[in-house]
């Protein structure tokens, strides 16, 4: 299995105007409990080009990937450009995942699994 190739396919499916968590991405890649590996791949570029990294937040909706962007507020600005409301909390900038979270379907998960099998990743 090539986790990073799987991750790129999953991340590209996050709809415009929605956010997903690192853990959700890891789960859809078939590697639950590997959320930190998702963060590492985004930070180091292992996920490849065209991945909407700004749509990925931690499990509480906190924008925790600022170090991976050109400026500390870039992730926030990109999310807001897509209509995602970002609010300041004592924990930092936050997205309400109940309102703006990507609720992938079982069908989407099965499509990804089939794609991974077809591609041999």
PDB file of N, CA and C in Angstrom:
ATOM      1  N   UNK A   1       0.842  -1.183   0.000  1.00  0.00           N
ATOM      2  CA  UNK A   1       0.000   0.000   0.000  1.00  0.00           C
ATOM      3  C   UNK A   1       0.884   1.242   0.000  1.00  0.00           C
ATOM      4  N   UNK A   2       0.524   2.204  -0.807  1.00  0.00           N
ATOM      5  CA  UNK A   2       1.226   3.482  -0.807  1.00  0.00           C
ATOM      6  C   UNK A   2       0.304   4.519  -0.167  1.00  0.00           C
ATOM      7  N   UNK A   3       0.511   4.735   1.110  1.00  0.00           N
ATOM      8  CA  UNK A   3      -0.351   5.623   1.885  1.00  0.00           C
ATOM      9  C   UNK A   3      -0.453   7.009   1.262  1.00  0.00           C
ATOM     10  N   UNK A   4       0.673   7.555   0.806  1.00  0.00           N
ATOM     11  CA  UNK A   4       0.678   8.927   0.309  1.00  0.00           C
ATOM     12  C   UNK A   4      -0.087   9.062  -1.004  1.00  0.00           C
ATOM     13  N   UNK A   5      -0.023   8.055  -1.856  1.00  0.00           N
ATOM     14  CA  UNK A   5      -0.813   8.091  -3.095  1.00  0.00           C
ATOM     15  C   UNK A   5      -2.294   7.986  -2.771  1.00  0.00           C
ATOM     16  N   UNK A   6      -2.634   7.125  -1.822  1.00  0.00           N
ATOM     17  CA  UNK A   6      -4.034   7.014  -1.401  1.00  0.00           C
ATOM     18  C   UNK A   6      -4.513   8.343  -0.840  1.00  0.00           C
ATOM     19  N   UNK A   7      -3.670   8.928  -0.017  1.00  0.00           N
ATOM     20  CA  UNK A   7      -4.015  10.178   0.631  1.00  0.00           C
ATOM     21  C   UNK A   7      -4.303  11.278  -0.388  1.00  0.00           C
ATOM     22  N   UNK A   8      -3.514  11.353  -1.426  1.00  0.00           N
ATOM     23  CA  UNK A   8      -3.729  12.364  -2.461  1.00  0.00           C
ATOM     24  C   UNK A   8      -5.103  12.198  -3.101  1.00  0.00           C
ATOM     25  N   UNK A   9      -5.491  10.971  -3.395  1.00  0.00           N
ATOM     26  CA  UNK A   9      -6.807  10.717  -3.993  1.00  0.00           C
ATOM     27  C   UNK A   9      -7.923  11.109  -3.029  1.00  0.00           C
ATOM     28  N   UNK A  10      -7.774  10.766  -1.769  1.00  0.00           N
ATOM     29  CA  UNK A  10      -8.802  11.094  -0.772  1.00  0.00           C
ATOM     30  C   UNK A  10      -8.924  12.608  -0.611  1.00  0.00           C
ATOM     31  N   UNK A  11      -7.800  13.279  -0.449  1.00  0.00           N
ATOM     32  CA  UNK A  11      -7.833  14.731  -0.220  1.00  0.00           C
ATOM     33  C   UNK A  11      -8.446  15.486  -1.388  1.00  0.00           C
ATOM     34  N   UNK A  12      -8.190  15.027  -2.587  1.00  0.00           N
ATOM     35  CA  UNK A  12      -8.760  15.703  -3.765  1.00  0.00           C
ATOM     36  C   UNK A  12     -10.279  15.552  -3.835  1.00  0.00           C
ATOM     37  N   UNK A  13     -10.828  14.642  -3.061  1.00  0.00           N
ATOM     38  CA  UNK A  13     -12.287  14.445  -3.047  1.00  0.00           C
ATOM     39  C   UNK A  13     -12.997  15.294  -2.001  1.00  0.00           C
ATOM     40  N   UNK A  14     -12.251  15.991  -1.175  1.00  0.00           N
ATOM     41  CA  UNK A  14     -12.902  16.862  -0.189  1.00  0.00           C
ATOM     42  C   UNK A  14     -13.612  17.965  -0.977  1.00  0.00           C
ATOM     43  N   UNK A  15     -14.915  18.070  -0.840  1.00  0.00           N
ATOM     44  CA  UNK A  15     -15.654  19.058  -1.637  1.00  0.00           C
ATOM     45  C   UNK A  15     -15.282  20.502  -1.294  1.00  0.00           C
ATOM     46  N   UNK A  16     -15.402  21.355  -2.286  1.00  0.00           N
ATOM     47  CA  UNK A  16     -15.244  22.796  -2.108  1.00  0.00           C
ATOM     48  C   UNK A  16     -16.224  23.242  -1.020  1.00  0.00           C
ATOM     49  N   UNK A  17     -15.748  24.064  -0.102  1.00  0.00           N
ATOM     50  CA  UNK A  17     -16.617  24.560   0.957  1.00  0.00           C
ATOM     51  C   UNK A  17     -16.795  23.611   2.126  1.00  0.00           C
ATOM     52  N   UNK A  18     -15.974  22.562   2.171  1.00  0.00           N
ATOM     53  CA  UNK A  18     -16.027  21.588   3.270  1.00  0.00           C
ATOM     54  C   UNK A  18     -14.622  21.374   3.831  1.00  0.00           C
ATOM     55  N   UNK A  19     -14.564  20.933   5.073  1.00  0.00           N
ATOM     56  CA  UNK A  19     -13.297  20.615   5.724  1.00  0.00           C
ATOM     57  C   UNK A  19     -13.352  19.168   6.208  1.00  0.00           C
ATOM     58  N   UNK A  20     -12.198  18.560   6.297  1.00  0.00           N
ATOM     59  CA  UNK A  20     -12.085  17.184   6.793  1.00  0.00           C
ATOM     60  C   UNK A  20     -10.993  17.150   7.854  1.00  0.00           C
ATOM     61  N   UNK A  21     -11.022  16.130   8.678  1.00  0.00           N
ATOM     62  CA  UNK A  21      -9.998  16.006   9.715  1.00  0.00           C
ATOM     63  C   UNK A  21      -8.870  15.082   9.238  1.00  0.00           C
ATOM     64  N   UNK A  22      -7.726  15.240   9.864  1.00  0.00           N
ATOM     65  CA  UNK A  22      -6.584  14.376   9.561  1.00  0.00           C
ATOM     66  C   UNK A  22      -6.975  12.912   9.760  1.00  0.00           C
ATOM     67  N   UNK A  23      -7.708  12.641  10.836  1.00  0.00           N
ATOM     68  CA  UNK A  23      -8.137  11.275  11.131  1.00  0.00           C
ATOM     69  C   UNK A  23      -9.101  10.720  10.105  1.00  0.00           C
ATOM     70  N   UNK A  24      -9.990  11.549   9.609  1.00  0.00           N
ATOM     71  CA  UNK A  24     -10.936  11.130   8.579  1.00  0.00           C
ATOM     72  C   UNK A  24     -10.183  10.725   7.314  1.00  0.00           C
ATOM     73  N   UNK A  25      -9.174  11.512   6.954  1.00  0.00           N
ATOM     74  CA  UNK A  25      -8.369  11.199   5.764  1.00  0.00           C
ATOM     75  C   UNK A  25      -7.654   9.869   5.973  1.00  0.00           C
ATOM     76  N   UNK A  26      -7.042   9.693   7.139  1.00  0.00           N
ATOM     77  CA  UNK A  26      -6.327   8.441   7.425  1.00  0.00           C
ATOM     78  C   UNK A  26      -7.272   7.243   7.359  1.00  0.00           C
ATOM     79  N   UNK A  27      -8.452   7.374   7.919  1.00  0.00           N
ATOM     80  CA  UNK A  27      -9.429   6.293   7.904  1.00  0.00           C
ATOM     81  C   UNK A  27      -9.815   5.928   6.471  1.00  0.00           C
ATOM     82  N   UNK A  28     -10.083   6.927   5.643  1.00  0.00           N
ATOM     83  CA  UNK A  28     -10.463   6.665   4.253  1.00  0.00           C
ATOM     84  C   UNK A  28      -9.318   6.063   3.446  1.00  0.00           C
ATOM     85  N   UNK A  29      -8.093   6.254   3.924  1.00  0.00           N
ATOM     86  CA  UNK A  29      -6.926   5.643   3.274  1.00  0.00           C
ATOM     87  C   UNK A  29      -6.725   4.199   3.730  1.00  0.00           C
ATOM     88  N   UNK A  30      -7.531   3.763   4.703  1.00  0.00           N
ATOM     89  CA  UNK A  30      -7.395   2.409   5.221  1.00  0.00           C
ATOM     90  C   UNK A  30      -6.394   2.294   6.348  1.00  0.00           C
ATOM     91  N   UNK A  31      -6.014   3.433   6.923  1.00  0.00           N
ATOM     92  CA  UNK A  31      -5.029   3.452   7.999  1.00  0.00           C
ATOM     93  C   UNK A  31      -5.554   4.270   9.185  1.00  0.00           C
ATOM     94  N   UNK A  32      -6.613   3.782   9.845  1.00  0.00           N
ATOM     95  CA  UNK A  32      -7.110   4.536  11.001  1.00  0.00           C
ATOM     96  C   UNK A  32      -6.001   4.701  12.029  1.00  0.00           C
ATOM     97  N   UNK A  33      -6.077   5.765  12.780  1.00  0.00           N
ATOM     98  CA  UNK A  33      -5.093   6.074  13.820  1.00  0.00           C
ATOM     99  C   UNK A  33      -3.752   6.553  13.240  1.00  0.00           C
ATOM    100  N   UNK A  34      -3.735   6.964  11.982  1.00  0.00           N
ATOM    101  CA  UNK A  34      -2.520   7.493  11.362  1.00  0.00           C
ATOM    102  C   UNK A  34      -2.697   8.958  10.960  1.00  0.00           C
ATOM    103  N   UNK A  35      -3.448   9.694  11.765  1.00  0.00           N
ATOM    104  CA  UNK A  35      -3.701  11.102  11.483  1.00  0.00           C
ATOM    105  C   UNK A  35      -2.404  11.905  11.426  1.00  0.00           C
ATOM    106  N   UNK A  36      -1.455  11.580  12.282  1.00  0.00           N
ATOM    107  CA  UNK A  36      -0.184  12.321  12.278  1.00  0.00           C
ATOM    108  C   UNK A  36       0.586  12.125  10.980  1.00  0.00           C
ATOM    109  N   UNK A  37       0.434  10.957  10.381  1.00  0.00           N
ATOM    110  CA  UNK A  37       1.092  10.689   9.105  1.00  0.00           C
ATOM    111  C   UNK A  37       0.486  11.567   8.008  1.00  0.00           C
ATOM    112  N   UNK A  38      -0.801  11.837   8.106  1.00  0.00           N
ATOM    113  CA  UNK A  38      -1.458  12.741   7.160  1.00  0.00           C
ATOM    114  C   UNK A  38      -0.857  14.136   7.303  1.00  0.00           C
ATOM    115  N   UNK A  39      -0.739  14.596   8.520  1.00  0.00           N
ATOM    116  CA  UNK A  39      -0.134  15.910   8.768  1.00  0.00           C
ATOM    117  C   UNK A  39       1.290  15.990   8.259  1.00  0.00           C
ATOM    118  N   UNK A  40       2.051  14.947   8.499  1.00  0.00           N
ATOM    119  CA  UNK A  40       3.434  14.901   8.024  1.00  0.00           C
ATOM    120  C   UNK A  40       3.486  14.994   6.503  1.00  0.00           C
ATOM    121  N   UNK A  41       2.629  14.250   5.825  1.00  0.00           N
ATOM    122  CA  UNK A  41       2.615  14.250   4.354  1.00  0.00           C
ATOM    123  C   UNK A  41       2.243  15.622   3.809  1.00  0.00           C
ATOM    124  N   UNK A  42       1.302  16.288   4.446  1.00  0.00           N
ATOM    125  CA  UNK A  42       0.911  17.620   3.993  1.00  0.00           C
ATOM    126  C   UNK A  42       2.037  18.626   4.227  1.00  0.00           C
ATOM    127  N   UNK A  43       2.677  18.527   5.366  1.00  0.00           N
ATOM    128  CA  UNK A  43       3.740  19.463   5.734  1.00  0.00           C
ATOM    129  C   UNK A  43       4.976  19.310   4.855  1.00  0.00           C
ATOM    130  N   UNK A  44       5.257  18.078   4.431  1.00  0.00           N
ATOM    131  CA  UNK A  44       6.485  17.816   3.676  1.00  0.00           C
ATOM    132  C   UNK A  44       6.269  17.693   2.172  1.00  0.00           C
ATOM    133  N   UNK A  45       5.027  17.786   1.725  1.00  0.00           N
ATOM    134  CA  UNK A  45       4.748  17.703   0.299  1.00  0.00           C
ATOM    135  C   UNK A  45       4.635  16.289  -0.239  1.00  0.00           C
ATOM    136  N   UNK A  46       4.628  15.286   0.618  1.00  0.00           N
ATOM    137  CA  UNK A  46       4.536  13.893   0.164  1.00  0.00           C
ATOM    138  C   UNK A  46       3.181  13.544  -0.433  1.00  0.00           C
ATOM    139  N   UNK A  47       2.176  14.374  -0.179  1.00  0.00           N
ATOM    140  CA  UNK A  47       0.849  14.114  -0.725  1.00  0.00           C
ATOM    141  C   UNK A  47       0.752  14.528  -2.191  1.00  0.00           C
ATOM    142  N   UNK A  48       1.739  15.241  -2.675  1.00  0.00           N
ATOM    143  CA  UNK A  48       1.751  15.632  -4.081  1.00  0.00           C
ATOM    144  C   UNK A  48       1.077  16.961  -4.348  1.00  0.00           C
ATOM    145  N   UNK A  49       1.018  17.302  -5.615  1.00  0.00           N
ATOM    146  CA  UNK A  49       0.426  18.569  -6.041  1.00  0.00           C
ATOM    147  C   UNK A  49      -1.089  18.456  -6.150  1.00  0.00           C
ATOM    148  N   UNK A  50      -1.742  19.591  -6.066  1.00  0.00           N
ATOM    149  CA  UNK A  50      -3.181  19.630  -6.259  1.00  0.00           C
ATOM    150  C   UNK A  50      -4.002  19.159  -5.081  1.00  0.00           C
ATOM    151  N   UNK A  51      -3.373  18.960  -3.945  1.00  0.00           N
ATOM    152  CA  UNK A  51      -4.090  18.525  -2.748  1.00  0.00           C
ATOM    153  C   UNK A  51      -4.554  19.770  -1.991  1.00  0.00           C
ATOM    154  N   UNK A  52      -5.850  19.900  -1.730  1.00  0.00           N
ATOM    155  CA  UNK A  52      -6.357  21.073  -1.018  1.00  0.00           C
ATOM    156  C   UNK A  52      -6.075  20.985   0.487  1.00  0.00           C
ATOM    157  N   UNK A  53      -4.828  21.136   0.851  1.00  0.00           N
ATOM    158  CA  UNK A  53      -4.392  20.977   2.244  1.00  0.00           C
ATOM    159  C   UNK A  53      -5.099  21.937   3.187  1.00  0.00           C
ATOM    160  N   UNK A  54      -5.522  23.075   2.682  1.00  0.00           N
ATOM    161  CA  UNK A  54      -6.186  24.056   3.552  1.00  0.00           C
ATOM    162  C   UNK A  54      -7.519  23.531   4.086  1.00  0.00           C
ATOM    163  N   UNK A  55      -8.088  22.509   3.457  1.00  0.00           N
ATOM    164  CA  UNK A  55      -9.369  21.962   3.898  1.00  0.00           C
ATOM    165  C   UNK A  55      -9.221  20.923   5.009  1.00  0.00           C
ATOM    166  N   UNK A  56      -8.013  20.685   5.462  1.00  0.00           N
ATOM    167  CA  UNK A  56      -7.785  19.644   6.462  1.00  0.00           C
ATOM    168  C   UNK A  56      -7.430  20.289   7.798  1.00  0.00           C
ATOM    169  N   UNK A  57      -8.190  19.926   8.817  1.00  0.00           N
ATOM    170  CA  UNK A  57      -8.049  20.489  10.158  1.00  0.00           C
ATOM    171  C   UNK A  57      -7.974  19.331  11.169  1.00  0.00           C
ATOM    172  N   UNK A  58      -7.728  19.664  12.426  1.00  0.00           N
ATOM    173  CA  UNK A  58      -7.681  18.568  13.403  1.00  0.00           C
ATOM    174  C   UNK A  58      -9.097  18.136  13.791  1.00  0.00           C
ATOM    175  N   UNK A  59      -9.193  17.123  14.611  1.00  0.00           N
ATOM    176  CA  UNK A  59     -10.483  16.507  14.940  1.00  0.00           C
ATOM    177  C   UNK A  59     -11.459  17.464  15.621  1.00  0.00           C
ATOM    178  N   UNK A  60     -10.946  18.494  16.269  1.00  0.00           N
ATOM    179  CA  UNK A  60     -11.794  19.491  16.921  1.00  0.00           C
ATOM    180  C   UNK A  60     -12.120  20.660  15.998  1.00  0.00           C
ATOM    181  N   UNK A  61     -11.595  20.625  14.763  1.00  0.00           N
ATOM    182  CA  UNK A  61     -11.834  21.706  13.813  1.00  0.00           C
ATOM    183  C   UNK A  61     -10.812  22.818  13.873  1.00  0.00           C
ATOM    184  N   UNK A  62      -9.784  22.642  14.701  1.00  0.00           N
ATOM    185  CA  UNK A  62      -8.750  23.671  14.863  1.00  0.00           C
ATOM    186  C   UNK A  62      -7.809  23.648  13.661  1.00  0.00           C
ATOM    187  N   UNK A  63      -7.506  24.827  13.142  1.00  0.00           N
ATOM    188  CA  UNK A  63      -6.540  24.954  12.052  1.00  0.00           C
ATOM    189  C   UNK A  63      -5.152  24.762  12.653  1.00  0.00           C
ATOM    190  N   UNK A  64      -4.572  23.608  12.420  1.00  0.00           N
ATOM    191  CA  UNK A  64      -3.294  23.298  13.066  1.00  0.00           C
ATOM    192  C   UNK A  64      -2.154  23.143  12.076  1.00  0.00           C
ATOM    193  N   UNK A  65      -2.388  23.491  10.818  1.00  0.00           N
ATOM    194  CA  UNK A  65      -1.349  23.300   9.811  1.00  0.00           C
ATOM    195  C   UNK A  65      -0.675  24.566   9.343  1.00  0.00           C
ATOM    196  N   UNK A  66      -0.709  25.629  10.139  1.00  0.00           N
ATOM    197  CA  UNK A  66      -0.167  26.918   9.710  1.00  0.00           C
ATOM    198  C   UNK A  66       1.282  26.842   9.239  1.00  0.00           C
ATOM    199  N   UNK A  67       2.069  25.975   9.830  1.00  0.00           N
ATOM    200  CA  UNK A  67       3.485  25.870   9.461  1.00  0.00           C
ATOM    201  C   UNK A  67       3.669  25.367   8.035  1.00  0.00           C
ATOM    202  N   UNK A  68       2.663  24.720   7.477  1.00  0.00           N
ATOM    203  CA  UNK A  68       2.772  24.176   6.128  1.00  0.00           C
ATOM    204  C   UNK A  68       2.408  25.197   5.050  1.00  0.00           C
ATOM    205  N   UNK A  69       1.967  26.372   5.445  1.00  0.00           N
ATOM    206  CA  UNK A  69       1.534  27.384   4.492  1.00  0.00           C
ATOM    207  C   UNK A  69       2.532  28.543   4.449  1.00  0.00           C
ATOM    208  N   UNK A  70       2.469  29.305   3.371  1.00  0.00           N
ATOM    209  CA  UNK A  70       3.402  30.417   3.172  1.00  0.00           C
ATOM    210  C   UNK A  70       3.287  31.483   4.247  1.00  0.00           C
ATOM    211  N   UNK A  71       2.088  31.681   4.766  1.00  0.00           N
ATOM    212  CA  UNK A  71       1.885  32.641   5.842  1.00  0.00           C
ATOM    213  C   UNK A  71       0.955  32.008   6.878  1.00  0.00           C
ATOM    214  N   UNK A  72       1.071  32.436   8.129  1.00  0.00           N
ATOM    215  CA  UNK A  72       0.282  31.815   9.199  1.00  0.00           C
ATOM    216  C   UNK A  72      -1.235  31.902   9.006  1.00  0.00           C
ATOM    217  N   UNK A  73      -1.710  32.908   8.273  1.00  0.00           N
ATOM    218  CA  UNK A  73      -3.155  33.063   8.113  1.00  0.00           C
ATOM    219  C   UNK A  73      -3.670  32.569   6.763  1.00  0.00           C
ATOM    220  N   UNK A  74      -2.822  31.962   5.937  1.00  0.00           N
ATOM    221  CA  UNK A  74      -3.233  31.546   4.602  1.00  0.00           C
ATOM    222  C   UNK A  74      -4.325  30.479   4.638  1.00  0.00           C
ATOM    223  N   UNK A  75      -4.199  29.488   5.512  1.00  0.00           N
ATOM    224  CA  UNK A  75      -5.224  28.444   5.599  1.00  0.00           C
ATOM    225  C   UNK A  75      -6.572  29.065   5.940  1.00  0.00           C
ATOM    226  N   UNK A  76      -6.590  29.962   6.893  1.00  0.00           N
ATOM    227  CA  UNK A  76      -7.827  30.636   7.291  1.00  0.00           C
ATOM    228  C   UNK A  76      -8.421  31.399   6.111  1.00  0.00           C
ATOM    229  N   UNK A  77      -7.621  32.154   5.407  1.00  0.00           N
ATOM    230  CA  UNK A  77      -8.118  32.948   4.284  1.00  0.00           C
ATOM    231  C   UNK A  77      -8.668  32.062   3.168  1.00  0.00           C
ATOM    232  N   UNK A  78      -7.981  30.959   2.879  1.00  0.00           N
ATOM    233  CA  UNK A  78      -8.443  30.049   1.824  1.00  0.00           C
ATOM    234  C   UNK A  78      -9.779  29.402   2.192  1.00  0.00           C
ATOM    235  N   UNK A  79      -9.921  29.022   3.449  1.00  0.00           N
ATOM    236  CA  UNK A  79     -11.189  28.450   3.907  1.00  0.00           C
ATOM    237  C   UNK A  79     -12.320  29.478   3.798  1.00  0.00           C
ATOM    238  N   UNK A  80     -12.046  30.696   4.226  1.00  0.00           N
ATOM    239  CA  UNK A  80     -13.062  31.746   4.167  1.00  0.00           C
ATOM    240  C   UNK A  80     -13.455  32.069   2.722  1.00  0.00           C
ATOM    241  N   UNK A  81     -12.509  31.982   1.803  1.00  0.00           N
ATOM    242  CA  UNK A  81     -12.812  32.215   0.384  1.00  0.00           C
ATOM    243  C   UNK A  81     -13.797  31.177  -0.152  1.00  0.00           C
ATOM    244  N   UNK A  82     -13.809  30.009   0.478  1.00  0.00           N
ATOM    245  CA  UNK A  82     -14.735  28.949   0.067  1.00  0.00           C
ATOM    246  C   UNK A  82     -16.057  29.011   0.836  1.00  0.00           C
ATOM    247  N   UNK A  83     -16.212  30.029   1.664  1.00  0.00           N
ATOM    248  CA  UNK A  83     -17.455  30.189   2.417  1.00  0.00           C
ATOM    249  C   UNK A  83     -17.469  29.463   3.749  1.00  0.00           C
ATOM    250  N   UNK A  84     -16.333  28.932   4.159  1.00  0.00           N
ATOM    251  CA  UNK A  84     -16.245  28.238   5.445  1.00  0.00           C
ATOM    252  C   UNK A  84     -15.964  29.275   6.529  1.00  0.00           C
ATOM    253  N   UNK A  85     -16.837  29.329   7.513  1.00  0.00           N
ATOM    254  CA  UNK A  85     -16.680  30.277   8.607  1.00  0.00           C
ATOM    255  C   UNK A  85     -15.586  29.783   9.552  1.00  0.00           C
ATOM    256  N   UNK A  86     -14.644  30.664   9.860  1.00  0.00           N
ATOM    257  CA  UNK A  86     -13.544  30.346  10.773  1.00  0.00           C
ATOM    258  C   UNK A  86     -13.626  31.332  11.933  1.00  0.00           C
ATOM    259  N   UNK A  87     -13.710  30.803  13.137  1.00  0.00           N
ATOM    260  CA  UNK A  87     -13.854  31.656  14.319  1.00  0.00           C
ATOM    261  C   UNK A  87     -12.670  31.495  15.260  1.00  0.00           C
ATOM    262  N   UNK A  88     -12.340  32.577  15.957  1.00  0.00           N
ATOM    263  CA  UNK A  88     -11.264  32.533  16.936  1.00  0.00           C
ATOM    264  C   UNK A  88     -11.785  31.946  18.242  1.00  0.00           C
ATOM    265  N   UNK A  89     -11.047  30.990  18.809  1.00  0.00           N
ATOM    266  CA  UNK A  89     -11.364  30.429  20.118  1.00  0.00           C
ATOM    267  C   UNK A  89     -10.093  30.459  20.944  1.00  0.00           C
ATOM    268  N   UNK A  90     -10.195  30.105  22.200  1.00  0.00           N
ATOM    269  CA  UNK A  90      -8.985  30.085  23.044  1.00  0.00           C
ATOM    270  C   UNK A  90      -7.988  29.036  22.562  1.00  0.00           C
ATOM    271  N   UNK A  91      -8.450  28.048  21.780  1.00  0.00           N
ATOM    272  CA  UNK A  91      -7.564  27.018  21.228  1.00  0.00           C
ATOM    273  C   UNK A  91      -6.927  27.443  19.912  1.00  0.00           C
ATOM    274  N   UNK A  92      -7.456  28.506  19.310  1.00  0.00           N
ATOM    275  CA  UNK A  92      -6.976  28.977  18.025  1.00  0.00           C
ATOM    276  C   UNK A  92      -8.120  29.102  17.036  1.00  0.00           C
ATOM    277  N   UNK A  93      -7.797  29.309  15.765  1.00  0.00           N
ATOM    278  CA  UNK A  93      -8.822  29.420  14.723  1.00  0.00           C
ATOM    279  C   UNK A  93      -9.514  28.076  14.545  1.00  0.00           C
ATOM    280  N   UNK A  94     -10.836  28.139  14.404  1.00  0.00           N
ATOM    281  CA  UNK A  94     -11.606  26.894  14.408  1.00  0.00           C
ATOM    282  C   UNK A  94     -12.730  26.917  13.370  1.00  0.00           C
ATOM    283  N   UNK A  95     -12.949  25.731  12.765  1.00  0.00           N
ATOM    284  CA  UNK A  95     -14.048  25.488  11.837  1.00  0.00           C
ATOM    285  C   UNK A  95     -15.066  24.610  12.563  1.00  0.00           C
ATOM    286  N   UNK A  96     -16.332  24.928  12.435  1.00  0.00           N
ATOM    287  CA  UNK A  96     -17.388  24.099  13.007  1.00  0.00           C
ATOM    288  C   UNK A  96     -17.596  22.917  12.065  1.00  0.00           C
ATOM    289  N   UNK A  97     -17.054  21.761  12.431  1.00  0.00           N
ATOM    290  CA  UNK A  97     -17.143  20.584  11.569  1.00  0.00           C
ATOM    291  C   UNK A  97     -18.566  20.048  11.454  1.00  0.00           C
ATOM    292  N   UNK A  98     -19.410  20.339  12.428  1.00  0.00           N
ATOM    293  CA  UNK A  98     -20.815  19.924  12.298  1.00  0.00           C
ATOM    294  C   UNK A  98     -21.480  20.661  11.145  1.00  0.00           C
ATOM    295  N   UNK A  99     -21.066  21.880  10.943  1.00  0.00           N
ATOM    296  CA  UNK A  99     -21.670  22.704   9.889  1.00  0.00           C
ATOM    297  C   UNK A  99     -20.906  22.614   8.562  1.00  0.00           C
ATOM    298  N   UNK A 100     -19.568  22.602   8.634  1.00  0.00           N
ATOM    299  CA  UNK A 100     -18.757  22.681   7.427  1.00  0.00           C
ATOM    300  C   UNK A 100     -17.936  21.417   7.149  1.00  0.00           C
ATOM    301  N   UNK A 101     -18.144  20.385   7.954  1.00  0.00           N
ATOM    302  CA  UNK A 101     -17.381  19.153   7.775  1.00  0.00           C
ATOM    303  C   UNK A 101     -17.854  18.334   6.583  1.00  0.00           C
ATOM    304  N   UNK A 102     -16.917  17.621   5.990  1.00  0.00           N
ATOM    305  CA  UNK A 102     -17.230  16.707   4.886  1.00  0.00           C
ATOM    306  C   UNK A 102     -17.774  15.426   5.492  1.00  0.00           C
ATOM    307  N   UNK A 103     -18.998  15.108   5.191  1.00  0.00           N
ATOM    308  CA  UNK A 103     -19.611  13.868   5.654  1.00  0.00           C
ATOM    309  C   UNK A 103     -19.600  12.888   4.485  1.00  0.00           C
ATOM    310  N   UNK A 104     -18.466  12.254   4.318  1.00  0.00           N
ATOM    311  CA  UNK A 104     -18.366  11.305   3.204  1.00  0.00           C
ATOM    312  C   UNK A 104     -19.347  10.150   3.426  1.00  0.00           C
ATOM    313  N   UNK A 105     -19.819   9.609   2.330  1.00  0.00           N
ATOM    314  CA  UNK A 105     -20.768   8.508   2.400  1.00  0.00           C
ATOM    315  C   UNK A 105     -20.032   7.174   2.346  1.00  0.00           C
ATOM    316  N   UNK A 106     -20.742   6.127   2.685  1.00  0.00           N
ATOM    317  CA  UNK A 106     -20.181   4.779   2.570  1.00  0.00           C
ATOM    318  C   UNK A 106     -19.866   4.490   1.106  1.00  0.00           C
ATOM    319  N   UNK A 107     -20.706   4.977   0.207  1.00  0.00           N
ATOM    320  CA  UNK A 107     -20.464   4.774  -1.225  1.00  0.00           C
ATOM    321  C   UNK A 107     -19.149   5.414  -1.654  1.00  0.00           C
ATOM    322  N   UNK A 108     -18.863   6.611  -1.136  1.00  0.00           N
ATOM    323  CA  UNK A 108     -17.595   7.274  -1.457  1.00  0.00           C
ATOM    324  C   UNK A 108     -16.408   6.468  -0.924  1.00  0.00           C
ATOM    325  N   UNK A 109     -16.549   5.937   0.281  1.00  0.00           N
ATOM    326  CA  UNK A 109     -15.486   5.127   0.864  1.00  0.00           C
ATOM    327  C   UNK A 109     -15.257   3.862   0.032  1.00  0.00           C
ATOM    328  N   UNK A 110     -16.345   3.243  -0.408  1.00  0.00           N
ATOM    329  CA  UNK A 110     -16.224   2.033  -1.239  1.00  0.00           C
ATOM    330  C   UNK A 110     -15.608   2.355  -2.600  1.00  0.00           C
ATOM    331  N   UNK A 111     -15.962   3.502  -3.179  1.00  0.00           N
ATOM    332  CA  UNK A 111     -15.366   3.922  -4.450  1.00  0.00           C
ATOM    333  C   UNK A 111     -13.862   4.107  -4.298  1.00  0.00           C
ATOM    334  N   UNK A 112     -13.450   4.718  -3.187  1.00  0.00           N
ATOM    335  CA  UNK A 112     -12.024   4.914  -2.947  1.00  0.00           C
ATOM    336  C   UNK A 112     -11.313   3.569  -2.793  1.00  0.00           C
ATOM    337  N   UNK A 113     -11.920   2.657  -2.048  1.00  0.00           N
ATOM    338  CA  UNK A 113     -11.319   1.331  -1.858  1.00  0.00           C
ATOM    339  C   UNK A 113     -11.146   0.628  -3.205  1.00  0.00           C
ATOM    340  N   UNK A 114     -12.164   0.697  -4.052  1.00  0.00           N
ATOM    341  CA  UNK A 114     -12.091   0.087  -5.374  1.00  0.00           C
ATOM    342  C   UNK A 114     -11.007   0.760  -6.203  1.00  0.00           C
ATOM    343  N   UNK A 115     -10.915   2.072  -6.125  1.00  0.00           N
ATOM    344  CA  UNK A 115      -9.871   2.800  -6.858  1.00  0.00           C
ATOM    345  C   UNK A 115      -8.488   2.357  -6.392  1.00  0.00           C
ATOM    346  N   UNK A 116      -8.296   2.228  -5.096  1.00  0.00           N
ATOM    347  CA  UNK A 116      -7.002   1.808  -4.557  1.00  0.00           C
ATOM    348  C   UNK A 116      -6.637   0.409  -5.068  1.00  0.00           C
ATOM    349  N   UNK A 117      -7.627  -0.478  -5.103  1.00  0.00           N
ATOM    350  CA  UNK A 117      -7.378  -1.840  -5.601  1.00  0.00           C
ATOM    351  C   UNK A 117      -7.012  -1.821  -7.079  1.00  0.00           C
ATOM    352  N   UNK A 118      -7.741  -1.023  -7.851  1.00  0.00           N
ATOM    353  CA  UNK A 118      -7.487  -0.910  -9.292  1.00  0.00           C
ATOM    354  C   UNK A 118      -6.084  -0.373  -9.571  1.00  0.00           C
ATOM    355  N   UNK A 119      -5.697   0.639  -8.791  1.00  0.00           N
ATOM    356  CA  UNK A 119      -4.374   1.260  -8.984  1.00  0.00           C
ATOM    357  C   UNK A 119      -3.243   0.476  -8.320  1.00  0.00           C
ATOM    358  N   UNK A 120      -3.604  -0.491  -7.516  1.00  0.00           N
ATOM    359  CA  UNK A 120      -2.591  -1.273  -6.799  1.00  0.00           C
ATOM    360  C   UNK A 120      -1.878  -0.497  -5.724  1.00  0.00           C
ATOM    361  N   UNK A 121      -2.609   0.427  -5.122  1.00  0.00           N
ATOM    362  CA  UNK A 121      -2.032   1.221  -4.029  1.00  0.00           C
ATOM    363  C   UNK A 121      -2.813   0.933  -2.764  1.00  0.00           C
TER     364      UNK A 121
END
